[in-house]
Amino acid sequence: MERDIVVSDEVRKMIEETGQDYRISTACRGSVIVPISIKPPKESDIKIPVGKNTLYVSRVQARYIKKVTMDMMYDDEDLYSCTVFSRY
């Protein structure tokens, strides 16, 4: 299934430059890319290697995603307005 998901060059560059692992998770506005410090990966996640890091994709979201793009990146408003991130 991970072979079906394309990660844009911009997302790859961002992950490599930050040196962090990220996860694509479900949020109020749909699929979002968040650092794993905000949404830790689950055993069931699909793992996509990006340089020395990993992009984890929720199995739920993997059914709907064809391409990972920067417009999926979370912003601070997501953290404050979406109950999925209520502990942050």
Foldseek 3Di string as FASTA:
>chain_A
DVVQEAEDPVNLVVCVVVVFEWEFDQWPVGTAIGTCVQPPADPPWDWDDRPPYTYTYDPVCVVPHRYHDPVRYDDPVRCVPTVVRVVD
